[in-house]
Protein backbone atom coordinates (compact mmCIF):
# COMPACT_ATOMS: atom_id res chain seq x y z
CA ARG A 1 -94.70 48.94 237.94
CA LEU A 2 -94.68 47.48 234.43
CA LEU A 3 -94.56 51.34 232.82
CA GLY A 4 -91.87 52.12 235.67
CA PHE A 5 -93.94 54.29 237.76
CA GLU A 6 -97.10 53.72 239.86
CA LEU A 7 -100.72 54.40 238.69
CA ARG A 8 -101.08 56.61 241.75
CA ASP A 9 -98.71 59.39 240.09
CA LEU A 10 -101.34 60.03 237.58
CA THR A 11 -104.36 60.71 239.89
CA ARG A 12 -102.98 64.35 240.61
CA TRP A 13 -101.62 67.29 238.76
CA HIS A 14 -98.83 67.89 240.69
CA ARG A 15 -97.90 63.90 241.22
CA PHE A 16 -98.06 63.87 237.54
CA VAL A 17 -95.72 66.77 237.32
CA ARG A 18 -93.32 65.48 239.43
CA LEU A 19 -93.07 62.07 237.84
CA LEU A 20 -92.19 63.89 234.78
CA HIS A 21 -89.24 65.47 236.42
CA ARG A 22 -87.98 62.50 238.61
CA PRO A 23 -84.52 62.44 238.16
CA THR A 24 -83.18 59.73 236.22
CA ASP A 25 -79.69 58.51 234.66
CA PRO A 26 -78.22 60.35 231.33
CA ALA A 27 -76.72 57.76 230.06
CA ALA A 28 -79.24 56.13 227.74
CA LEU A 29 -80.17 59.62 226.53
CA GLY A 30 -76.37 60.82 225.84
CA ALA A 31 -75.98 57.13 223.97
CA PHE A 32 -78.89 57.76 221.91
CA ARG A 33 -77.91 61.48 220.90
CA ALA A 34 -74.45 60.23 220.16
CA ALA A 35 -76.05 57.25 217.79
CA PHE A 36 -78.65 59.68 216.30
CA GLY A 37 -76.25 62.30 215.44
CA LEU A 38 -73.79 59.82 213.79
CA LEU A 39 -76.70 58.58 211.59
CA MET A 40 -77.60 61.98 210.58
CA ALA A 41 -74.21 62.69 209.77
CA LEU A 42 -74.49 59.37 207.45
CA ASP A 43 -77.72 60.65 206.04
CA VAL A 44 -76.51 64.06 204.96
CA PRO A 45 -74.32 62.81 202.14
CA GLN A 46 -76.97 59.98 201.36
CA GLU A 47 -80.55 60.51 201.19
CA ARG A 48 -80.51 64.52 201.83
CA GLY A 49 -78.39 64.18 198.68
CA MET A 50 -75.29 66.57 199.42
CA ALA A 51 -73.10 64.12 197.03
CA LEU A 52 -75.74 65.35 194.27
CA LEU A 53 -76.05 68.50 194.90
CA ASP A 54 -74.23 69.94 191.32
CA ARG A 55 -76.85 67.82 189.71
CA ARG A 56 -79.63 68.80 191.50
CA PHE A 57 -79.05 72.61 192.04
CA LEU A 58 -76.81 73.70 189.26
CA ASP A 59 -77.04 77.56 188.54
CA GLY A 60 -79.09 78.01 185.31
CA LEU A 61 -80.33 74.50 185.55
CA GLU A 62 -84.02 74.46 183.72
CA VAL A 63 -85.69 72.17 186.15
CA CYS A 64 -89.28 71.87 187.55
CA ARG A 65 -89.26 71.58 191.40
CA PHE A 66 -91.90 70.48 194.33
CA PRO A 67 -91.56 72.69 197.40
CA LEU A 68 -94.44 72.19 199.72
CA LEU A 69 -94.58 75.95 199.71
CA PRO A 70 -94.42 77.99 196.75
CA ALA A 71 -92.30 80.77 198.07
CA LEU A 72 -89.27 78.36 198.59
CA ARG A 73 -86.73 78.60 196.41
CA PRO A 74 -83.20 76.63 196.42
CA LEU A 75 -80.05 78.90 197.09
CA PRO A 76 -77.33 79.43 194.45
CA LEU A 77 -75.46 76.22 194.30
CA ASP A 78 -72.43 77.38 196.61
CA GLY A 79 -75.12 78.54 199.11
CA MET A 80 -76.59 74.81 198.83
CA TYR A 81 -73.08 73.56 199.44
CA LEU A 82 -72.88 76.17 202.43
CA LEU A 83 -76.19 74.97 203.79
CA TYR A 84 -75.33 71.41 203.91
CA ALA A 85 -72.06 72.00 205.51
CA VAL A 86 -73.78 73.57 208.37
CA MET A 87 -76.12 70.40 208.41
CA MET A 88 -73.27 68.27 208.57
CA LEU A 89 -71.27 69.93 211.16
CA GLY A 90 -74.84 70.41 213.19
CA ALA A 91 -74.96 66.46 212.76
CA LEU A 92 -71.58 65.87 214.16
CA GLY A 93 -71.79 68.38 217.08
CA MET A 94 -74.67 66.60 218.04
CA MET A 95 -73.03 63.55 218.13
CA LEU A 96 -70.09 64.81 219.87
CA GLY A 97 -72.08 66.67 222.33
CA CYS A 98 -70.21 69.82 221.21
CA TRP A 99 -71.80 73.27 221.54
CA TYR A 100 -75.18 70.78 221.86
CA ARG A 101 -78.02 73.39 221.55
CA LEU A 102 -76.52 75.50 218.55
CA SER A 103 -75.56 72.26 216.87
CA CYS A 104 -79.08 70.88 216.87
CA VAL A 105 -80.29 74.20 215.56
CA ALA A 106 -77.41 73.93 212.85
CA PHE A 107 -78.90 70.84 211.84
CA LEU A 108 -82.61 71.76 212.30
CA CYS A 109 -83.17 74.49 210.50
CA PRO A 110 -81.40 73.28 207.23
CA TYR A 111 -82.98 69.71 207.37
CA TRP A 112 -86.07 71.46 207.21
CA TYR A 113 -85.50 73.80 204.56
CA VAL A 114 -84.28 71.10 202.43
CA LEU A 115 -86.87 68.95 203.30
CA LEU A 116 -89.82 71.30 202.52
CA LEU A 117 -87.59 72.29 199.02
CA ASP A 118 -88.90 68.98 197.56
CA LYS A 119 -91.64 66.89 198.45
CA THR A 120 -90.82 64.22 195.80
CA SER A 121 -87.92 63.12 198.64
CA TRP A 122 -89.92 62.33 201.30
CA ASN A 123 -90.31 59.03 202.75
CA ASN A 124 -92.68 58.39 205.70
CA HIS A 125 -89.84 58.33 207.93
CA SER A 126 -88.04 62.16 206.51
CA TYR A 127 -90.37 64.09 208.75
CA LEU A 128 -89.52 62.05 212.23
CA TYR A 129 -85.69 62.65 211.86
CA GLY A 130 -86.78 66.19 212.15
CA LEU A 131 -89.15 65.91 214.73
CA LEU A 132 -86.29 63.96 216.85
CA ALA A 133 -83.99 66.81 216.46
CA PHE A 134 -86.13 69.18 217.49
CA GLN A 135 -86.99 67.46 220.71
CA LEU A 136 -83.57 66.72 221.25
CA THR A 137 -82.73 70.24 221.41
CA PHE A 138 -85.06 70.99 224.41
CA MET A 139 -83.27 67.98 226.38
CA GLY A 140 -80.30 67.50 228.70
CA ALA A 141 -78.73 65.02 226.09
CA ASP A 142 -75.49 66.36 226.37
CA ARG A 143 -75.02 65.71 230.04
CA TYR A 144 -73.13 61.92 229.42
CA GLY A 145 -70.50 61.25 226.92
CA SER A 146 -70.04 65.01 225.61
CA VAL A 147 -67.64 66.88 224.97
CA ASP A 148 -69.48 69.75 226.55
CA GLY A 149 -69.39 68.01 230.11
CA LEU A 150 -65.69 67.70 229.63
CA PHE A 151 -65.53 71.83 230.20
CA ARG A 152 -68.64 72.16 232.21
CA PRO A 153 -68.24 69.91 235.29
CA GLN A 154 -71.45 70.85 236.77
CA LYS A 155 -73.26 68.99 233.49
CA ARG A 156 -71.22 66.07 233.61
CA ASN A 157 -73.36 63.09 234.50
CA ALA A 158 -75.97 65.40 236.03
CA HIS A 159 -79.64 63.88 235.75
CA VAL A 160 -82.22 64.58 233.43
CA PRO A 161 -85.80 64.59 234.17
CA LEU A 162 -87.90 61.70 232.90
CA TRP A 163 -90.06 63.80 230.54
CA ASN A 164 -86.89 63.69 228.34
CA TYR A 165 -87.48 60.02 228.08
CA THR A 166 -91.23 60.06 227.99
CA LEU A 167 -91.08 62.36 224.89
CA LEU A 168 -88.79 60.08 222.91
CA ARG A 169 -91.16 57.39 223.85
CA ALA A 170 -94.33 59.07 222.81
CA GLN A 171 -92.88 59.61 219.61
CA ILE A 172 -91.33 56.14 218.94
CA PHE A 173 -94.68 54.69 219.92
CA LEU A 174 -96.68 56.72 217.45
CA VAL A 175 -94.23 55.90 214.46
CA TYR A 176 -95.36 52.21 215.36
CA PHE A 177 -99.13 52.38 216.28
CA ILE A 178 -100.12 54.58 213.41
CA ALA A 179 -98.36 52.57 210.84
CA GLY A 180 -100.16 49.62 212.53
CA LEU A 181 -103.61 51.71 212.16
CA LYS A 182 -102.74 52.37 208.72
CA LYS A 183 -102.10 48.44 207.63
CA LEU A 184 -106.08 47.71 208.93
CA ASP A 185 -106.53 48.98 205.11
CA MET A 186 -108.70 46.42 203.64
CA ASP A 187 -106.01 46.01 200.89
CA TRP A 188 -103.48 45.05 203.17
CA VAL A 189 -105.12 42.93 205.25
CA SER A 190 -106.09 41.18 202.04
CA GLY A 191 -102.68 40.96 201.04
CA TYR A 192 -102.89 43.16 197.92
CA SER A 193 -100.55 45.69 199.03
CA MET A 194 -97.03 43.78 199.01
CA GLY A 195 -97.96 40.77 196.63
CA SER A 196 -94.61 40.17 195.30
CA LEU A 197 -92.59 40.73 198.33
CA ALA A 198 -92.80 37.11 199.39
CA ARG A 199 -90.70 36.17 196.56
CA HIS A 200 -87.72 37.93 198.18
CA TRP A 201 -85.13 35.58 199.48
CA LEU A 202 -85.50 36.83 203.05
CA PHE A 203 -88.97 34.98 202.73
CA ALA A 204 -87.64 31.51 201.64
CA PRO A 205 -87.64 29.54 204.95
CA PHE A 206 -91.05 30.52 205.30
CA ARG A 207 -91.71 29.06 202.05
CA LEU A 208 -90.60 25.89 202.79
CA VAL A 209 -93.66 25.28 204.74
CA LEU A 210 -96.35 27.70 203.11
CA SER A 211 -96.93 28.51 199.84
CA GLU A 212 -95.97 31.75 198.01
CA GLN A 213 -99.72 33.33 198.38
CA SER A 214 -99.75 32.07 202.36
CA THR A 215 -96.52 33.72 203.03
CA SER A 216 -97.46 37.07 201.38
CA LEU A 217 -101.14 36.75 203.61
CA LEU A 218 -99.63 35.30 206.57
CA VAL A 219 -95.93 36.76 206.98
CA VAL A 220 -95.80 39.88 205.25
CA HIS A 221 -98.99 41.31 205.58
CA GLY A 222 -100.59 39.55 208.92
CA GLY A 223 -96.98 39.79 210.49
CA GLY A 224 -96.42 43.63 209.44
CA LEU A 225 -99.65 44.44 210.94
CA LEU A 226 -99.10 42.60 214.16
CA LEU A 227 -95.62 43.95 214.89
CA ASP A 228 -96.51 47.58 214.01
CA LEU A 229 -99.94 47.43 216.44
CA SER A 230 -98.02 45.61 219.08
CA ALA A 231 -94.66 47.22 219.38
CA GLY A 232 -95.35 50.31 220.72
CA PHE A 233 -97.12 48.88 223.81
CA LEU A 234 -94.47 46.03 224.27
CA LEU A 235 -91.50 48.33 224.10
CA LEU A 236 -93.15 50.56 226.68
CA LEU A 237 -93.33 47.59 229.19
CA ASP A 238 -90.32 46.73 231.26
CA ALA A 239 -91.24 42.97 230.98
CA THR A 240 -91.68 42.87 227.49
CA ARG A 241 -89.07 45.33 226.16
CA PRO A 242 -86.51 42.53 225.73
CA ILE A 243 -88.76 40.39 223.21
CA ALA A 244 -89.80 43.42 221.51
CA LEU A 245 -86.39 44.55 220.82
CA VAL A 246 -85.55 41.20 219.24
CA PHE A 247 -88.37 41.44 217.03
CA VAL A 248 -87.79 45.00 216.05
CA THR A 249 -84.58 44.76 215.37
CA TYR A 250 -85.30 41.49 213.08
CA PHE A 251 -88.03 43.66 211.61
CA HIS A 252 -85.82 46.82 210.70
CA CYS A 253 -82.62 44.45 209.17
CA MET A 254 -84.99 42.63 207.18
CA ASN A 255 -86.46 46.11 205.95
CA SER A 256 -82.66 47.20 205.40
CA GLN A 257 -82.69 44.58 202.57
CA LEU A 258 -86.01 44.82 200.82
CA PHE A 259 -86.34 48.45 200.36
CA SER A 260 -83.38 51.35 199.59
CA ILE A 261 -84.81 53.83 201.97
CA GLY A 262 -81.45 55.22 203.07
CA GLU A 263 -80.95 55.42 206.84
CA SER A 264 -84.66 54.73 208.15
CA SER A 265 -84.26 51.34 209.09
CA VAL A 266 -81.04 51.72 210.76
CA CYS A 267 -82.24 54.66 212.41
CA THR A 268 -85.69 53.21 213.40
CA GLN A 269 -83.79 49.76 214.41
CA ASN A 270 -81.74 52.04 217.03
CA SER A 271 -84.15 54.31 218.29
CA PRO A 272 -86.38 52.77 220.28
CA ARG A 273 -83.32 51.07 222.38
CA ALA A 274 -81.69 53.64 224.60
CA PRO A 275 -84.94 55.85 225.49
CA LEU A 276 -87.09 53.06 225.70
CA LYS A 277 -84.69 51.01 228.15
CA HIS A 278 -85.92 51.66 232.11
CA PRO A 279 -84.04 54.89 233.05
CA GLN A 280 -82.31 54.57 236.45
CA GLY A 281 -81.91 57.56 238.81
CA PRO A 282 -78.23 59.68 238.96
CA GLN A 283 -75.48 57.86 239.52
CA ASN A 284 -72.92 60.11 239.86
CA THR A 285 -73.01 62.93 241.84
CA SER A 286 -71.02 65.52 243.63
CA ARG A 287 -72.90 65.99 246.64
CA ASP A 288 -72.31 64.93 250.21
CA PRO A 289 -74.11 61.56 250.33
CA LYS A 290 -75.56 62.41 253.94
CA THR A 291 -77.01 65.05 252.90
CA PRO A 292 -80.36 64.20 250.81
CA PRO A 293 -80.48 65.97 247.43
CA LYS A 294 -83.32 68.69 246.92
CA HIS A 295 -85.54 67.87 244.38
CA PRO A 296 -88.50 69.64 242.95
CA TRP A 297 -90.60 67.36 243.73
CA ASN A 298 -89.72 67.55 247.44
CA THR A 299 -91.85 70.74 247.82
CA PRO A 300 -94.82 70.31 245.56
CA ARG A 301 -96.68 72.83 246.94
CA ASP A 302 -94.22 75.57 246.19
CA PRO A 303 -95.61 78.15 243.94
CA LYS A 304 -92.06 79.06 242.64
CA THR A 305 -91.12 75.74 242.31
CA LEU A 306 -94.37 74.60 240.26
CA GLY A 307 -93.76 77.43 237.98
CA VAL A 308 -90.29 76.27 237.00
CA LEU A 309 -91.91 72.83 236.64
CA TYR A 310 -94.60 73.74 234.55
CA GLY A 311 -92.37 75.90 232.59
CA HIS A 312 -89.99 72.73 231.72
CA MET A 313 -93.63 71.14 231.01
CA GLY A 314 -93.95 73.51 228.36
CA LYS A 315 -91.44 72.22 226.58
CA CYS A 316 -92.19 68.71 226.83
CA TRP A 317 -96.26 69.70 225.34
CA GLY A 318 -94.41 71.82 222.66
CA GLY A 319 -92.29 68.83 221.51
CA THR A 320 -94.95 66.62 221.24
CA GLY A 321 -97.62 69.38 219.68
CA ILE A 322 -95.06 69.93 216.70
CA SER A 323 -95.89 66.19 215.37
CA HIS A 324 -99.82 66.98 215.83
CA PRO A 325 -100.07 69.14 212.56
CA PHE A 326 -98.15 66.09 210.63
CA LEU A 327 -100.83 63.49 211.84
CA VAL A 328 -104.02 65.77 211.33
CA LEU A 329 -102.91 66.98 208.06
CA PRO A 330 -104.23 64.76 205.24
CA PRO A 331 -108.20 65.03 206.73
CA HIS A 332 -107.87 68.75 206.50
CA THR A 333 -106.08 69.36 203.46
CA GLN A 334 -108.57 68.10 200.66
CA GLY A 335 -106.45 68.94 197.86
CA TYR A 336 -103.42 66.76 198.74
CA ASN A 337 -105.85 63.71 198.66
CA ASN A 338 -106.20 61.67 195.38
CA TRP A 339 -106.56 58.07 195.66
CA THR A 340 -104.94 58.04 198.86
CA ASN A 341 -105.21 60.93 201.54
CA GLY A 342 -102.82 63.24 202.48
CA LEU A 343 -99.22 64.24 201.08
CA TYR A 344 -96.45 61.80 200.18
CA GLY A 345 -94.70 60.94 203.33
CA TYR A 346 -97.11 62.46 205.89
CA SER A 347 -100.02 60.23 204.59
CA TRP A 348 -98.22 56.92 206.35
CA ASP A 349 -99.40 55.07 203.17
CA MET A 350 -95.96 54.53 201.11
CA MET A 351 -96.24 50.74 202.32
CA VAL A 352 -99.50 50.31 202.09
CA HIS A 353 -100.40 51.25 198.17
CA SER A 354 -98.15 49.86 195.56
CA ARG A 355 -98.59 51.27 192.36
CA PHE A 356 -97.80 50.22 188.84
CA HIS A 357 -98.01 52.54 185.75
CA GLN A 358 -98.84 51.25 182.27
CA HIS A 359 -99.12 54.55 180.28
CA VAL A 360 -98.19 58.24 181.05
CA LYS A 361 -98.63 60.72 177.85
CA ILE A 362 -98.32 64.61 178.41
CA THR A 363 -99.69 66.57 175.48
CA TYR A 364 -99.19 70.34 175.15
CA ARG A 365 -101.33 72.68 172.99
CA ASP A 366 -100.06 76.17 171.57
CA GLY A 367 -102.39 78.37 173.05
CA LEU A 368 -102.43 80.86 169.65
CA THR A 369 -101.64 78.52 167.03
CA GLY A 370 -103.27 75.94 168.00
CA ASP A 371 -100.54 72.97 167.18
CA VAL A 372 -100.67 69.98 169.18
CA GLY A 373 -97.44 68.07 170.49
CA TYR A 374 -96.37 65.58 173.28
CA LEU A 375 -93.51 65.58 175.89
CA LYS A 376 -91.54 63.03 177.16
CA PRO A 377 -92.88 62.01 180.70
CA GLY A 378 -90.69 63.68 183.07
CA VAL A 379 -88.96 66.14 181.23
CA PHE A 380 -87.02 68.89 183.40
CA THR A 381 -87.67 66.90 186.35
CA GLN A 382 -85.42 64.86 188.34
CA SER A 383 -88.30 62.80 189.90
CA ARG A 384 -90.76 59.86 189.26
CA ARG A 385 -93.37 60.84 192.22
CA TRP A 386 -95.10 63.71 190.27
CA LYS A 387 -97.34 61.25 188.50
CA ASP A 388 -99.40 60.22 191.56
CA HIS A 389 -100.55 63.40 193.20
CA ALA A 390 -102.44 66.32 191.94
CA ASP A 391 -100.60 69.03 193.67
CA MET A 392 -97.54 68.06 192.01
CA LEU A 393 -99.29 67.65 188.58
CA LYS A 394 -100.31 71.22 189.30
CA GLN A 395 -97.07 72.34 189.95
CA TYR A 396 -95.36 70.44 187.14
CA ALA A 397 -97.86 71.91 184.69
CA THR A 398 -97.36 75.41 185.77
CA CYS A 399 -93.58 75.26 185.11
CA LEU A 400 -93.76 73.52 182.01
CA SER A 401 -96.06 76.55 181.15
CA GLN A 402 -93.30 79.21 181.98
CA LEU A 403 -90.64 76.68 180.43
CA LEU A 404 -92.28 76.08 176.83
CA PRO A 405 -92.47 79.60 175.72
CA ARG A 406 -88.75 79.60 175.53
CA TYR A 407 -89.13 76.63 172.75
CA ASN A 408 -91.42 78.89 170.69
CA ILE A 409 -94.80 77.34 172.16
CA SER A 410 -97.01 80.36 172.92
CA GLU A 411 -99.28 79.86 175.99
CA PRO A 412 -99.35 76.29 176.35
CA HIS A 413 -102.25 73.83 177.79
CA ILE A 414 -100.92 71.01 179.30
CA TYR A 415 -102.99 67.86 179.49
CA PHE A 416 -101.88 64.55 181.40
CA ASP A 417 -103.07 60.95 180.45
CA ILE A 418 -101.75 58.59 183.45
CA TRP A 419 -102.68 55.19 183.32
CA VAL A 420 -101.74 53.35 187.17
CA SER A 421 -102.90 50.23 189.00
CA ILE A 422 -102.99 50.48 192.59
CA ASN A 423 -102.86 47.42 194.47
CA ASP A 424 -103.22 44.83 191.62
CA ARG A 425 -106.52 46.90 190.35
CA PHE A 426 -107.47 47.32 186.96
CA GLN A 427 -105.53 50.25 185.27
CA GLN A 428 -107.35 52.94 185.00
CA ARG A 429 -106.99 57.00 184.57
CA LEU A 430 -106.08 59.42 187.53
CA VAL A 431 -107.04 62.39 186.11
CA ASP A 432 -109.21 63.55 183.29
CA PRO A 433 -107.25 63.88 180.14
CA ARG A 434 -109.54 66.42 178.91
CA VAL A 435 -108.45 69.16 181.56
CA ASP A 436 -105.89 71.69 180.82
CA VAL A 437 -104.03 71.39 184.10
CA VAL A 438 -102.44 74.67 183.87
CA ARG A 439 -105.60 76.46 184.14
CA ALA A 440 -107.31 74.12 186.19
CA PRO A 441 -108.31 75.18 189.94
CA TRP A 442 -106.34 73.75 192.84
CA SER A 443 -106.34 74.55 196.62
CA PRO A 444 -104.88 72.66 199.33
CA TRP A 445 -108.07 73.09 201.37
CA ARG A 446 -110.62 71.80 198.38
CA ARG A 447 -110.83 68.69 196.64
CA THR A 448 -109.30 68.74 193.07
CA PRO A 449 -112.35 68.38 190.66
CA TRP A 450 -110.14 66.86 187.72
CA VAL A 451 -109.10 63.89 189.99
CA LEU A 452 -110.71 60.94 188.85
CA PRO A 453 -112.09 58.51 191.49
CA LEU A 454 -110.69 55.40 192.09
CA LEU A 455 -113.12 52.29 190.81
CA LEU A 456 -113.51 50.91 194.15
CA GLU A 457 -116.53 48.89 192.93
CA LEU A 458 -114.13 47.07 191.11
CA SER A 459 -111.89 45.93 193.63
CA PRO A 460 -113.90 42.21 193.98
CA TRP A 461 -112.32 41.46 190.60
CA ARG A 462 -108.74 41.19 191.71
CA GLN A 463 -109.05 37.68 192.59
CA ARG A 464 -110.59 37.02 188.80
CA LEU A 465 -108.11 39.17 187.41
CA GLN A 466 -105.19 36.82 189.06
CA GLU A 467 -106.99 33.68 188.12
CA LEU A 468 -107.19 34.80 184.40
CA GLU A 469 -103.36 35.83 184.30
CA SER A 470 -102.50 32.39 185.73
CA SER A 471 -104.05 30.60 183.16
CA LEU A 472 -102.04 31.89 180.46
CA ASP A 473 -98.49 30.63 179.51
CA GLY A 474 -95.50 32.58 180.31
CA HIS A 475 -94.96 34.15 176.96
CA THR A 476 -98.05 36.26 177.01
CA ASP A 477 -98.40 39.48 178.18
CA VAL A 478 -101.90 40.53 179.67
CA VAL A 479 -103.22 44.27 181.04
CA PHE A 480 -106.65 44.72 182.72
CA ILE A 481 -108.10 48.41 182.11
CA ALA A 482 -111.18 50.29 183.15
CA ASP A 483 -112.29 53.41 182.07
CA PHE A 484 -114.90 56.08 182.23
CA PRO A 485 -117.80 56.88 179.55
CA GLY A 486 -116.80 59.12 177.05
CA LEU A 487 -113.15 58.71 177.42
CA HIS A 488 -110.95 57.07 174.72
CA LEU A 489 -107.38 55.26 174.72
CA GLU A 490 -105.05 55.67 171.87
CA ASN A 491 -102.74 52.56 172.05
CA PHE A 492 -99.80 51.66 169.49
CA VAL A 493 -99.79 47.82 168.69
CA SER A 494 -96.42 46.60 167.18
CA GLU A 495 -96.40 44.48 164.19
CA ASP A 496 -94.34 41.99 165.81
CA LEU A 497 -97.06 41.36 168.02
CA GLY A 498 -98.81 38.63 166.08
CA ASN A 499 -101.36 37.79 167.62
CA THR A 500 -103.14 40.46 169.69
CA SER A 501 -106.81 40.33 171.02
CA LEU A 502 -109.25 42.53 173.23
CA ARG A 503 -111.46 40.58 175.08
CA VAL A 504 -114.36 42.76 177.23
CA LEU A 505 -115.01 41.47 180.95
CA ARG A 506 -118.09 44.03 181.35
CA GLY A 507 -119.49 46.91 179.68
CA GLU A 508 -119.15 47.80 175.92
CA VAL A 509 -116.44 49.52 174.15
CA LEU A 510 -116.02 50.82 170.46
CA VAL A 511 -112.63 49.61 168.73
CA GLU A 512 -111.48 52.01 166.11
CA LEU A 513 -108.51 50.68 163.65
CA VAL A 514 -106.94 53.91 162.20
CA GLU A 515 -105.07 52.43 159.50
CA GLN A 516 -107.92 50.19 158.38
CA HIS A 517 -110.41 52.94 158.70
CA ARG A 518 -112.91 50.95 160.21
CA ASN A 519 -114.59 50.46 163.51
């Protein structure tokens, strides 16, 4: 009974159905509902951005947005305030268990609308909040410690079926396990994903016995991989759950200090506790103790009873089914694949790949006069994440082509030249700078042809690059770049840099000194 049930309960369908509808104590589920509602109430003004609505959605504001669906548009500012107020009231209603189902819907609908309205705001936990709220809508989480229970005695402390807990357990298990699978990426295993994280003061005790490089490889990367792969399993087992809770709590407390990711660390830290505790049977009942309760599993062959059970089972599988599109989305939407697969956040690659941008240039050309000019990177936007995703670059270029005619630039052509290093590789171009992105093809179902491939064959050079950089003195800056044949890079070198040199590690380059008119 390590999992809280007998294996024979899984050998027959009707036994499995009865197992999922076994009555359990609602206390843990009610505590989870209250904690989740409280954290979502704190999340609305913070990570959802209610405190910044006037800056983000001011009427008449010239800004490029990045919705998942092109048809999505923000409401007027007053409408956005009303929408956020409904979402806040829904979160508070969930916390108190007041008009519970209505409160869940009041939170859920605005949440998904706001989330899908701006892809640049996604983190790898953002959709998790929406999934948990969706699942709680179908559960009996208001049967303990709720306002509804005060006015409806028949609901107060009534048991909940086991599938309420099973669904939450499965969702939390997926969070850890899929994160662990993503960390099997060779860059993570080799210690290149979070190379500088070991310098943080949190890892100072480990650096007393290990070098910084060993701390990064063994503690940051090795420890993170081991915890994510094992946490889901350890939290499911009654015998290992107390130990797992200690390590999981420590892990998320560290994350709260390492990263600014809103309520994620707090919510994920608390979410395994209540639903993963072993649920007991109902403790409070109004029935005569001499009369045995009539539970659904007492008549397993009754077609009417099984029909009711299967109806409830539909809710269970419907809740888990909603997570399926998010998990399988990256392989089937090639247009969202760049150097990493899938949409930001949905891809689960947030912490596996670190990027450093060396150079970003936006060039426009007037379609009628041929005049060429340059735009400040990020103009008309409120985010920096558009630089790494082809779908957002396409949306940004389309938006610029609609805004620039207001500034006497007719039929503008937009070109991006983006240099980025991923996980300590060479700096290289992400997209072809010769392609007009406004008129370039893009589809969510096909590979984007103007995204340049990541030069994986140069990945083994990273060790040598680190050695070359460490051999320099602390006053010398160095940049390692790799480029494709036929392309060129314009770079301004200030006169204040007295000694600037260029070293070719492999291949051939042509250097043109414009002011001296020589190559």
